[in-house]
Amino acid sequence: MFTLQISYPVRDYGAWKKVFDSDPAGRTAAGARSVRVFQDSDDQNSVTVLLDFDTKEAATVFLERLRSQVWDNPEVIGQLMSAPPSARILEEVAREGQAAG
């Protein structure tokens, strides 16, 4: 399992979430098996998204699509984010216990 971890410094969580929910880069079609959205408990405009993929290639292809179709759009960066997002692909190598609800 490979997880694409994205950190978004958003200007307004509600506005960002509306665009996120519209799935502009097609995460479902790209093979994202699950999507989890987190907010920093002290800063609701600091958002982290975890997207799980079966392969590193699928995660990489989706990340490139996200960069070219969404993040490179000046309106997205200027209106929704206070700085460019950062991303990395993580490979799961161990798991213990049950997932938190």
PDB file of N, CA and C in Angstrom:
ATOM      1  N   MET A   1       0.853  -1.174   0.000  1.00  0.00           N
ATOM      2  CA  MET A   1       0.000   0.000   0.000  1.00  0.00           C
ATOM      3  C   MET A   1       0.897   1.235   0.000  1.00  0.00           C
ATOM      4  N   PHE A   2       0.506   2.204  -0.796  1.00  0.00           N
ATOM      5  CA  PHE A   2       1.228   3.465  -0.885  1.00  0.00           C
ATOM      6  C   PHE A   2       0.264   4.597  -0.536  1.00  0.00           C
ATOM      7  N   THR A   3       0.733   5.526   0.263  1.00  0.00           N
ATOM      8  CA  THR A   3      -0.093   6.648   0.698  1.00  0.00           C
ATOM      9  C   THR A   3       0.514   7.942   0.205  1.00  0.00           C
ATOM     10  N   LEU A   4      -0.296   8.713  -0.496  1.00  0.00           N
ATOM     11  CA  LEU A   4       0.091  10.055  -0.913  1.00  0.00           C
ATOM     12  C   LEU A   4      -0.318  10.994   0.217  1.00  0.00           C
ATOM     13  N   GLN A   5       0.668  11.629   0.838  1.00  0.00           N
ATOM     14  CA  GLN A   5       0.425  12.569   1.932  1.00  0.00           C
ATOM     15  C   GLN A   5       0.591  13.976   1.397  1.00  0.00           C
ATOM     16  N   ILE A   6      -0.465  14.777   1.525  1.00  0.00           N
ATOM     17  CA  ILE A   6      -0.432  16.148   1.025  1.00  0.00           C
ATOM     18  C   ILE A   6      -0.750  17.097   2.167  1.00  0.00           C
ATOM     19  N   SER A   7       0.072  18.133   2.318  1.00  0.00           N
ATOM     20  CA  SER A   7      -0.168  19.171   3.317  1.00  0.00           C
ATOM     21  C   SER A   7      -0.601  20.438   2.593  1.00  0.00           C
ATOM     22  N   TYR A   8      -1.769  20.925   2.968  1.00  0.00           N
ATOM     23  CA  TYR A   8      -2.345  22.120   2.352  1.00  0.00           C
ATOM     24  C   TYR A   8      -2.424  23.258   3.367  1.00  0.00           C
ATOM     25  N   PRO A   9      -1.770  24.381   3.122  1.00  0.00           N
ATOM     26  CA  PRO A   9      -1.983  25.582   3.931  1.00  0.00           C
ATOM     27  C   PRO A   9      -3.126  26.383   3.298  1.00  0.00           C
ATOM     28  N   VAL A  10      -4.343  26.173   3.765  1.00  0.00           N
ATOM     29  CA  VAL A  10      -5.509  26.772   3.116  1.00  0.00           C
ATOM     30  C   VAL A  10      -5.884  28.104   3.747  1.00  0.00           C
ATOM     31  N   ARG A  11      -6.522  28.947   2.953  1.00  0.00           N
ATOM     32  CA  ARG A  11      -6.991  30.250   3.456  1.00  0.00           C
ATOM     33  C   ARG A  11      -8.317  30.106   4.199  1.00  0.00           C
ATOM     34  N   ASP A  12      -9.194  29.257   3.685  1.00  0.00           N
ATOM     35  CA  ASP A  12     -10.525  29.064   4.255  1.00  0.00           C
ATOM     36  C   ASP A  12     -10.892  27.599   4.048  1.00  0.00           C
ATOM     37  N   TYR A  13     -10.983  26.862   5.138  1.00  0.00           N
ATOM     38  CA  TYR A  13     -11.219  25.421   5.032  1.00  0.00           C
ATOM     39  C   TYR A  13     -12.495  25.105   4.253  1.00  0.00           C
ATOM     40  N   GLY A  14     -13.572  25.813   4.526  1.00  0.00           N
ATOM     41  CA  GLY A  14     -14.842  25.544   3.849  1.00  0.00           C
ATOM     42  C   GLY A  14     -14.750  25.705   2.338  1.00  0.00           C
ATOM     43  N   ALA A  15     -14.094  26.768   1.890  1.00  0.00           N
ATOM     44  CA  ALA A  15     -13.930  26.998   0.449  1.00  0.00           C
ATOM     45  C   ALA A  15     -13.033  25.930  -0.163  1.00  0.00           C
ATOM     46  N   TRP A  16     -11.938  25.595   0.525  1.00  0.00           N
ATOM     47  CA  TRP A  16     -11.038  24.547   0.031  1.00  0.00           C
ATOM     48  C   TRP A  16     -11.770  23.207  -0.056  1.00  0.00           C
ATOM     49  N   LYS A  17     -12.534  22.877   0.979  1.00  0.00           N
ATOM     50  CA  LYS A  17     -13.227  21.572   1.029  1.00  0.00           C
ATOM     51  C   LYS A  17     -14.244  21.447  -0.093  1.00  0.00           C
ATOM     52  N   LYS A  18     -14.892  22.531  -0.439  1.00  0.00           N
ATOM     53  CA  LYS A  18     -15.856  22.492  -1.541  1.00  0.00           C
ATOM     54  C   LYS A  18     -15.160  22.102  -2.845  1.00  0.00           C
ATOM     55  N   VAL A  19     -13.999  22.686  -3.114  1.00  0.00           N
ATOM     56  CA  VAL A  19     -13.239  22.336  -4.320  1.00  0.00           C
ATOM     57  C   VAL A  19     -12.712  20.905  -4.192  1.00  0.00           C
ATOM     58  N   PHE A  20     -12.192  20.541  -3.036  1.00  0.00           N
ATOM     59  CA  PHE A  20     -11.687  19.185  -2.815  1.00  0.00           C
ATOM     60  C   PHE A  20     -12.779  18.151  -3.087  1.00  0.00           C
ATOM     61  N   ASP A  21     -13.963  18.390  -2.569  1.00  0.00           N
ATOM     62  CA  ASP A  21     -15.076  17.452  -2.749  1.00  0.00           C
ATOM     63  C   ASP A  21     -15.494  17.303  -4.203  1.00  0.00           C
ATOM     64  N   SER A  22     -15.233  18.319  -5.026  1.00  0.00           N
ATOM     65  CA  SER A  22     -15.578  18.231  -6.447  1.00  0.00           C
ATOM     66  C   SER A  22     -14.603  17.332  -7.208  1.00  0.00           C
ATOM     67  N   ASP A  23     -13.505  16.942  -6.565  1.00  0.00           N
ATOM     68  CA  ASP A  23     -12.530  15.996  -7.123  1.00  0.00           C
ATOM     69  C   ASP A  23     -11.996  16.439  -8.483  1.00  0.00           C
ATOM     70  N   PRO A  24     -11.396  17.640  -8.561  1.00  0.00           N
ATOM     71  CA  PRO A  24     -10.979  18.180  -9.860  1.00  0.00           C
ATOM     72  C   PRO A  24      -9.888  17.376 -10.570  1.00  0.00           C
ATOM     73  N   ALA A  25      -9.107  16.587  -9.855  1.00  0.00           N
ATOM     74  CA  ALA A  25      -8.055  15.795 -10.505  1.00  0.00           C
ATOM     75  C   ALA A  25      -8.465  14.341 -10.706  1.00  0.00           C
ATOM     76  N   GLY A  26      -9.663  13.973 -10.276  1.00  0.00           N
ATOM     77  CA  GLY A  26     -10.167  12.622 -10.504  1.00  0.00           C
ATOM     78  C   GLY A  26      -9.514  11.550  -9.655  1.00  0.00           C
ATOM     79  N   ARG A  27      -9.443  11.785  -8.341  1.00  0.00           N
ATOM     80  CA  ARG A  27      -8.782  10.813  -7.461  1.00  0.00           C
ATOM     81  C   ARG A  27      -9.464   9.453  -7.473  1.00  0.00           C
ATOM     82  N   THR A  28     -10.774   9.431  -7.587  1.00  0.00           N
ATOM     83  CA  THR A  28     -11.487   8.157  -7.618  1.00  0.00           C
ATOM     84  C   THR A  28     -11.132   7.376  -8.877  1.00  0.00           C
ATOM     85  N   ALA A  29     -11.173   8.040 -10.014  1.00  0.00           N
ATOM     86  CA  ALA A  29     -10.832   7.401 -11.285  1.00  0.00           C
ATOM     87  C   ALA A  29      -9.360   6.994 -11.329  1.00  0.00           C
ATOM     88  N   ALA A  30      -8.506   7.685 -10.567  1.00  0.00           N
ATOM     89  CA  ALA A  30      -7.076   7.387 -10.550  1.00  0.00           C
ATOM     90  C   ALA A  30      -6.747   6.194  -9.656  1.00  0.00           C
ATOM     91  N   GLY A  31      -7.734   5.685  -8.942  1.00  0.00           N
ATOM     92  CA  GLY A  31      -7.516   4.498  -8.129  1.00  0.00           C
ATOM     93  C   GLY A  31      -7.292   4.732  -6.653  1.00  0.00           C
ATOM     94  N   ALA A  32      -7.623   5.909  -6.151  1.00  0.00           N
ATOM     95  CA  ALA A  32      -7.493   6.139  -4.710  1.00  0.00           C
ATOM     96  C   ALA A  32      -8.473   5.211  -3.990  1.00  0.00           C
ATOM     97  N   ARG A  33      -7.941   4.376  -3.127  1.00  0.00           N
ATOM     98  CA  ARG A  33      -8.769   3.398  -2.407  1.00  0.00           C
ATOM     99  C   ARG A  33      -9.459   4.014  -1.196  1.00  0.00           C
ATOM    100  N   SER A  34      -8.790   4.961  -0.579  1.00  0.00           N
ATOM    101  CA  SER A  34      -9.398   5.661   0.552  1.00  0.00           C
ATOM    102  C   SER A  34      -8.810   7.066   0.616  1.00  0.00           C
ATOM    103  N   VAL A  35      -9.586   7.948   1.207  1.00  0.00           N
ATOM    104  CA  VAL A  35      -9.181   9.353   1.355  1.00  0.00           C
ATOM    105  C   VAL A  35      -9.489   9.751   2.789  1.00  0.00           C
ATOM    106  N   ARG A  36      -8.486  10.318   3.463  1.00  0.00           N
ATOM    107  CA  ARG A  36      -8.680  10.818   4.823  1.00  0.00           C
ATOM    108  C   ARG A  36      -8.232  12.270   4.867  1.00  0.00           C
ATOM    109  N   VAL A  37      -9.033  13.111   5.495  1.00  0.00           N
ATOM    110  CA  VAL A  37      -8.732  14.539   5.599  1.00  0.00           C
ATOM    111  C   VAL A  37      -8.587  14.880   7.081  1.00  0.00           C
ATOM    112  N   PHE A  38      -7.497  15.559   7.416  1.00  0.00           N
ATOM    113  CA  PHE A  38      -7.212  15.954   8.791  1.00  0.00           C
ATOM    114  C   PHE A  38      -6.992  17.459   8.859  1.00  0.00           C
ATOM    115  N   GLN A  39      -7.413  18.049   9.979  1.00  0.00           N
ATOM    116  CA  GLN A  39      -7.099  19.445  10.271  1.00  0.00           C
ATOM    117  C   GLN A  39      -6.207  19.468  11.502  1.00  0.00           C
ATOM    118  N   ASP A  40      -5.252  20.377  11.517  1.00  0.00           N
ATOM    119  CA  ASP A  40      -4.438  20.587  12.701  1.00  0.00           C
ATOM    120  C   ASP A  40      -5.375  21.018  13.826  1.00  0.00           C
ATOM    121  N   SER A  41      -5.225  20.422  14.991  1.00  0.00           N
ATOM    122  CA  SER A  41      -6.144  20.733  16.088  1.00  0.00           C
ATOM    123  C   SER A  41      -6.013  22.175  16.577  1.00  0.00           C
ATOM    124  N   ASP A  42      -4.900  22.838  16.277  1.00  0.00           N
ATOM    125  CA  ASP A  42      -4.707  24.227  16.684  1.00  0.00           C
ATOM    126  C   ASP A  42      -4.865  25.223  15.540  1.00  0.00           C
ATOM    127  N   ASP A  43      -4.923  24.731  14.303  1.00  0.00           N
ATOM    128  CA  ASP A  43      -5.016  25.610  13.132  1.00  0.00           C
ATOM    129  C   ASP A  43      -5.858  24.917  12.068  1.00  0.00           C
ATOM    130  N   GLN A  44      -7.141  25.249  12.003  1.00  0.00           N
ATOM    131  CA  GLN A  44      -8.051  24.568  11.084  1.00  0.00           C
ATOM    132  C   GLN A  44      -7.737  24.829   9.618  1.00  0.00           C
ATOM    133  N   ASN A  45      -6.880  25.776   9.338  1.00  0.00           N
ATOM    134  CA  ASN A  45      -6.484  26.040   7.958  1.00  0.00           C
ATOM    135  C   ASN A  45      -5.208  25.297   7.565  1.00  0.00           C
ATOM    136  N   SER A  46      -4.717  24.454   8.440  1.00  0.00           N
ATOM    137  CA  SER A  46      -3.607  23.560   8.127  1.00  0.00           C
ATOM    138  C   SER A  46      -4.211  22.168   7.942  1.00  0.00           C
ATOM    139  N   VAL A  47      -4.261  21.724   6.692  1.00  0.00           N
ATOM    140  CA  VAL A  47      -4.973  20.502   6.340  1.00  0.00           C
ATOM    141  C   VAL A  47      -3.993  19.469   5.777  1.00  0.00           C
ATOM    142  N   THR A  48      -4.174  18.227   6.178  1.00  0.00           N
ATOM    143  CA  THR A  48      -3.406  17.115   5.630  1.00  0.00           C
ATOM    144  C   THR A  48      -4.376  16.107   5.042  1.00  0.00           C
ATOM    145  N   VAL A  49      -4.049  15.641   3.835  1.00  0.00           N
ATOM    146  CA  VAL A  49      -4.869  14.641   3.154  1.00  0.00           C
ATOM    147  C   VAL A  49      -4.009  13.402   2.919  1.00  0.00           C
ATOM    148  N   LEU A  50      -4.572  12.247   3.218  1.00  0.00           N
ATOM    149  CA  LEU A  50      -3.917  10.971   2.962  1.00  0.00           C
ATOM    150  C   LEU A  50      -4.773  10.195   1.967  1.00  0.00           C
ATOM    151  N   LEU A  51      -4.165   9.827   0.841  1.00  0.00           N
ATOM    152  CA  LEU A  51      -4.856   9.052  -0.194  1.00  0.00           C
ATOM    153  C   LEU A  51      -4.108   7.741  -0.374  1.00  0.00           C
ATOM    154  N   ASP A  52      -4.796   6.627  -0.262  1.00  0.00           N
ATOM    155  CA  ASP A  52      -4.172   5.316  -0.380  1.00  0.00           C
ATOM    156  C   ASP A  52      -4.337   4.759  -1.791  1.00  0.00           C
ATOM    157  N   PHE A  53      -3.240   4.206  -2.316  1.00  0.00           N
ATOM    158  CA  PHE A  53      -3.205   3.599  -3.646  1.00  0.00           C
ATOM    159  C   PHE A  53      -2.571   2.221  -3.541  1.00  0.00           C
ATOM    160  N   ASP A  54      -2.906   1.336  -4.474  1.00  0.00           N
ATOM    161  CA  ASP A  54      -2.324  -0.004  -4.493  1.00  0.00           C
ATOM    162  C   ASP A  54      -0.862   0.002  -4.916  1.00  0.00           C
ATOM    163  N   THR A  55      -0.494   0.925  -5.804  1.00  0.00           N
ATOM    164  CA  THR A  55       0.871   0.945  -6.328  1.00  0.00           C
ATOM    165  C   THR A  55       1.483   2.337  -6.220  1.00  0.00           C
ATOM    166  N   LYS A  56       2.802   2.358  -6.192  1.00  0.00           N
ATOM    167  CA  LYS A  56       3.512   3.638  -6.188  1.00  0.00           C
ATOM    168  C   LYS A  56       3.256   4.371  -7.498  1.00  0.00           C
ATOM    169  N   GLU A  57       3.197   3.630  -8.588  1.00  0.00           N
ATOM    170  CA  GLU A  57       2.950   4.245  -9.892  1.00  0.00           C
ATOM    171  C   GLU A  57       1.611   4.980  -9.915  1.00  0.00           C
ATOM    172  N   ALA A  58       0.569   4.374  -9.365  1.00  0.00           N
ATOM    173  CA  ALA A  58      -0.747   5.024  -9.348  1.00  0.00           C
ATOM    174  C   ALA A  58      -0.702   6.310  -8.528  1.00  0.00           C
ATOM    175  N   ALA A  59      -0.013   6.268  -7.391  1.00  0.00           N
ATOM    176  CA  ALA A  59       0.108   7.467  -6.552  1.00  0.00           C
ATOM    177  C   ALA A  59       0.902   8.554  -7.267  1.00  0.00           C
ATOM    178  N   THR A  60       1.961   8.160  -7.951  1.00  0.00           N
ATOM    179  CA  THR A  60       2.804   9.107  -8.675  1.00  0.00           C
ATOM    180  C   THR A  60       2.046   9.752  -9.833  1.00  0.00           C
ATOM    181  N   VAL A  61       1.328   8.948 -10.587  1.00  0.00           N
ATOM    182  CA  VAL A  61       0.548   9.471 -11.719  1.00  0.00           C
ATOM    183  C   VAL A  61      -0.497  10.463 -11.213  1.00  0.00           C
ATOM    184  N   PHE A  62      -1.176  10.107 -10.125  1.00  0.00           N
ATOM    185  CA  PHE A  62      -2.187  11.018  -9.595  1.00  0.00           C
ATOM    186  C   PHE A  62      -1.551  12.310  -9.095  1.00  0.00           C
ATOM    187  N   LEU A  63      -0.418  12.224  -8.408  1.00  0.00           N
ATOM    188  CA  LEU A  63       0.259  13.424  -7.914  1.00  0.00           C
ATOM    189  C   LEU A  63       0.642  14.340  -9.070  1.00  0.00           C
ATOM    190  N   GLU A  64       1.157  13.784 -10.142  1.00  0.00           N
ATOM    191  CA  GLU A  64       1.516  14.603 -11.305  1.00  0.00           C
ATOM    192  C   GLU A  64       0.279  15.259 -11.919  1.00  0.00           C
ATOM    193  N   ARG A  65      -0.818  14.533 -11.984  1.00  0.00           N
ATOM    194  CA  ARG A  65      -2.074  15.099 -12.500  1.00  0.00           C
ATOM    195  C   ARG A  65      -2.548  16.231 -11.589  1.00  0.00           C
ATOM    196  N   LEU A  66      -2.456  16.022 -10.296  1.00  0.00           N
ATOM    197  CA  LEU A  66      -2.858  17.041  -9.332  1.00  0.00           C
ATOM    198  C   LEU A  66      -2.021  18.302  -9.512  1.00  0.00           C
ATOM    199  N   ARG A  67      -0.718  18.122  -9.671  1.00  0.00           N
ATOM    200  CA  ARG A  67       0.175  19.278  -9.858  1.00  0.00           C
ATOM    201  C   ARG A  67      -0.151  20.028 -11.148  1.00  0.00           C
ATOM    202  N   SER A  68      -0.321  19.304 -12.235  1.00  0.00           N
ATOM    203  CA  SER A  68      -0.513  19.967 -13.533  1.00  0.00           C
ATOM    204  C   SER A  68      -1.924  20.509 -13.743  1.00  0.00           C
ATOM    205  N   GLN A  69      -2.927  19.840 -13.205  1.00  0.00           N
ATOM    206  CA  GLN A  69      -4.305  20.256 -13.470  1.00  0.00           C
ATOM    207  C   GLN A  69      -4.909  21.134 -12.384  1.00  0.00           C
ATOM    208  N   VAL A  70      -4.369  21.071 -11.181  1.00  0.00           N
ATOM    209  CA  VAL A  70      -4.973  21.820 -10.077  1.00  0.00           C
ATOM    210  C   VAL A  70      -3.983  22.808  -9.472  1.00  0.00           C
ATOM    211  N   TRP A  71      -2.852  22.328  -9.001  1.00  0.00           N
ATOM    212  CA  TRP A  71      -1.922  23.194  -8.280  1.00  0.00           C
ATOM    213  C   TRP A  71      -1.271  24.238  -9.162  1.00  0.00           C
ATOM    214  N   ASP A  72      -1.093  23.957 -10.430  1.00  0.00           N
ATOM    215  CA  ASP A  72      -0.471  24.939 -11.321  1.00  0.00           C
ATOM    216  C   ASP A  72      -1.442  26.037 -11.750  1.00  0.00           C
ATOM    217  N   ASN A  73      -2.676  25.940 -11.331  1.00  0.00           N
ATOM    218  CA  ASN A  73      -3.681  26.945 -11.636  1.00  0.00           C
ATOM    219  C   ASN A  73      -3.525  28.100 -10.642  1.00  0.00           C
ATOM    220  N   PRO A  74      -3.127  29.288 -11.104  1.00  0.00           N
ATOM    221  CA  PRO A  74      -2.899  30.414 -10.183  1.00  0.00           C
ATOM    222  C   PRO A  74      -4.124  30.772  -9.350  1.00  0.00           C
ATOM    223  N   GLU A  75      -5.308  30.554  -9.902  1.00  0.00           N
ATOM    224  CA  GLU A  75      -6.517  30.857  -9.133  1.00  0.00           C
ATOM    225  C   GLU A  75      -6.649  29.954  -7.918  1.00  0.00           C
ATOM    226  N   VAL A  76      -6.239  28.701  -8.055  1.00  0.00           N
ATOM    227  CA  VAL A  76      -6.322  27.771  -6.936  1.00  0.00           C
ATOM    228  C   VAL A  76      -5.348  28.184  -5.847  1.00  0.00           C
ATOM    229  N   ILE A  77      -4.108  28.399  -6.228  1.00  0.00           N
ATOM    230  CA  ILE A  77      -3.100  28.780  -5.235  1.00  0.00           C
ATOM    231  C   ILE A  77      -3.450  30.129  -4.608  1.00  0.00           C
ATOM    232  N   GLY A  78      -3.796  31.110  -5.417  1.00  0.00           N
ATOM    233  CA  GLY A  78      -4.068  32.441  -4.904  1.00  0.00           C
ATOM    234  C   GLY A  78      -5.319  32.542  -4.056  1.00  0.00           C
ATOM    235  N   GLN A  79      -6.371  31.842  -4.446  1.00  0.00           N
ATOM    236  CA  GLN A  79      -7.639  31.974  -3.743  1.00  0.00           C
ATOM    237  C   GLN A  79      -7.815  30.976  -2.605  1.00  0.00           C
ATOM    238  N   LEU A  80      -7.327  29.761  -2.779  1.00  0.00           N
ATOM    239  CA  LEU A  80      -7.593  28.729  -1.781  1.00  0.00           C
ATOM    240  C   LEU A  80      -6.450  28.455  -0.822  1.00  0.00           C
ATOM    241  N   MET A  81      -5.218  28.699  -1.273  1.00  0.00           N
ATOM    242  CA  MET A  81      -4.069  28.343  -0.445  1.00  0.00           C
ATOM    243  C   MET A  81      -3.178  29.544  -0.187  1.00  0.00           C
ATOM    244  N   SER A  82      -2.605  29.575   0.996  1.00  0.00           N
ATOM    245  CA  SER A  82      -1.714  30.675   1.349  1.00  0.00           C
ATOM    246  C   SER A  82      -0.276  30.396   0.912  1.00  0.00           C
ATOM    247  N   ALA A  83       0.005  29.161   0.515  1.00  0.00           N
ATOM    248  CA  ALA A  83       1.326  28.753   0.017  1.00  0.00           C
ATOM    249  C   ALA A  83       1.118  27.475  -0.785  1.00  0.00           C
ATOM    250  N   PRO A  84       2.065  27.096  -1.608  1.00  0.00           N
ATOM    251  CA  PRO A  84       1.914  25.850  -2.359  1.00  0.00           C
ATOM    252  C   PRO A  84       1.844  24.645  -1.416  1.00  0.00           C
ATOM    253  N   PRO A  85       1.054  23.644  -1.779  1.00  0.00           N
ATOM    254  CA  PRO A  85       0.997  22.435  -0.964  1.00  0.00           C
ATOM    255  C   PRO A  85       2.294  21.641  -1.103  1.00  0.00           C
ATOM    256  N   SER A  86       2.526  20.756  -0.157  1.00  0.00           N
ATOM    257  CA  SER A  86       3.673  19.846  -0.254  1.00  0.00           C
ATOM    258  C   SER A  86       3.145  18.416  -0.242  1.00  0.00           C
ATOM    259  N   ALA A  87       3.877  17.524  -0.894  1.00  0.00           N
ATOM    260  CA  ALA A  87       3.408  16.145  -0.999  1.00  0.00           C
ATOM    261  C   ALA A  87       4.568  15.173  -0.983  1.00  0.00           C
ATOM    262  N   ARG A  88       4.285  13.967  -0.523  1.00  0.00           N
ATOM    263  CA  ARG A  88       5.242  12.878  -0.582  1.00  0.00           C
ATOM    264  C   ARG A  88       4.479  11.560  -0.616  1.00  0.00           C
ATOM    265  N   ILE A  89       5.131  10.549  -1.160  1.00  0.00           N
ATOM    266  CA  ILE A  89       4.527   9.222  -1.247  1.00  0.00           C
ATOM    267  C   ILE A  89       5.201   8.335  -0.215  1.00  0.00           C
ATOM    268  N   LEU A  90       4.375   7.721   0.618  1.00  0.00           N
ATOM    269  CA  LEU A  90       4.858   6.855   1.690  1.00  0.00           C
ATOM    270  C   LEU A  90       4.489   5.410   1.378  1.00  0.00           C
ATOM    271  N   GLU A  91       5.367   4.491   1.700  1.00  0.00           N
ATOM    272  CA  GLU A  91       5.074   3.071   1.538  1.00  0.00           C
ATOM    273  C   GLU A  91       4.833   2.466   2.915  1.00  0.00           C
ATOM    274  N   GLU A  92       3.704   1.799   3.069  1.00  0.00           N
ATOM    275  CA  GLU A  92       3.405   1.147   4.342  1.00  0.00           C
ATOM    276  C   GLU A  92       4.273  -0.099   4.474  1.00  0.00           C
ATOM    277  N   VAL A  93       4.997  -0.183   5.574  1.00  0.00           N
ATOM    278  CA  VAL A  93       5.875  -1.328   5.796  1.00  0.00           C
ATOM    279  C   VAL A  93       5.489  -2.129   7.039  1.00  0.00           C
ATOM    280  N   ALA A  94       4.608  -1.580   7.866  1.00  0.00           N
ATOM    281  CA  ALA A  94       4.131  -2.297   9.046  1.00  0.00           C
ATOM    282  C   ALA A  94       2.822  -1.665   9.510  1.00  0.00           C
ATOM    283  N   ARG A  95       1.998  -2.487  10.172  1.00  0.00           N
ATOM    284  CA  ARG A  95       0.736  -1.988  10.739  1.00  0.00           C
ATOM    285  C   ARG A  95       0.443  -2.797  11.991  1.00  0.00           C
ATOM    286  N   GLU A  96       0.033  -2.115  13.039  1.00  0.00           N
ATOM    287  CA  GLU A  96      -0.327  -2.783  14.272  1.00  0.00           C
ATOM    288  C   GLU A  96      -1.684  -2.305  14.739  1.00  0.00           C
ATOM    289  N   GLY A  97      -2.434  -3.157  15.386  1.00  0.00           N
ATOM    290  CA  GLY A  97      -3.696  -2.780  15.995  1.00  0.00           C
ATOM    291  C   GLY A  97      -4.756  -2.412  14.990  1.00  0.00           C
ATOM    292  N   GLN A  98      -5.846  -1.893  15.509  1.00  0.00           N
ATOM    293  CA  GLN A  98      -6.979  -1.474  14.711  1.00  0.00           C
ATOM    294  C   GLN A  98      -6.859   0.004  14.376  1.00  0.00           C
ATOM    295  N   ALA A  99      -7.366   0.366  13.234  1.00  0.00           N
ATOM    296  CA  ALA A  99      -7.370   1.781  12.831  1.00  0.00           C
ATOM    297  C   ALA A  99      -8.303   2.555  13.746  1.00  0.00           C
ATOM    298  N   ALA A 100      -7.898   3.774  14.080  1.00  0.00           N
ATOM    299  CA  ALA A 100      -8.743   4.642  14.897  1.00  0.00           C
ATOM    300  C   ALA A 100      -9.942   5.080  14.085  1.00  0.00           C
ATOM    301  N   GLY A 101     -11.077   5.241  14.734  1.00  0.00           N
ATOM    302  CA  GLY A 101     -12.319   5.579  14.054  1.00  0.00           C
ATOM    303  C   GLY A 101     -12.415   7.004  13.779  1.00  0.00           C
TER     304      GLY A 101
END
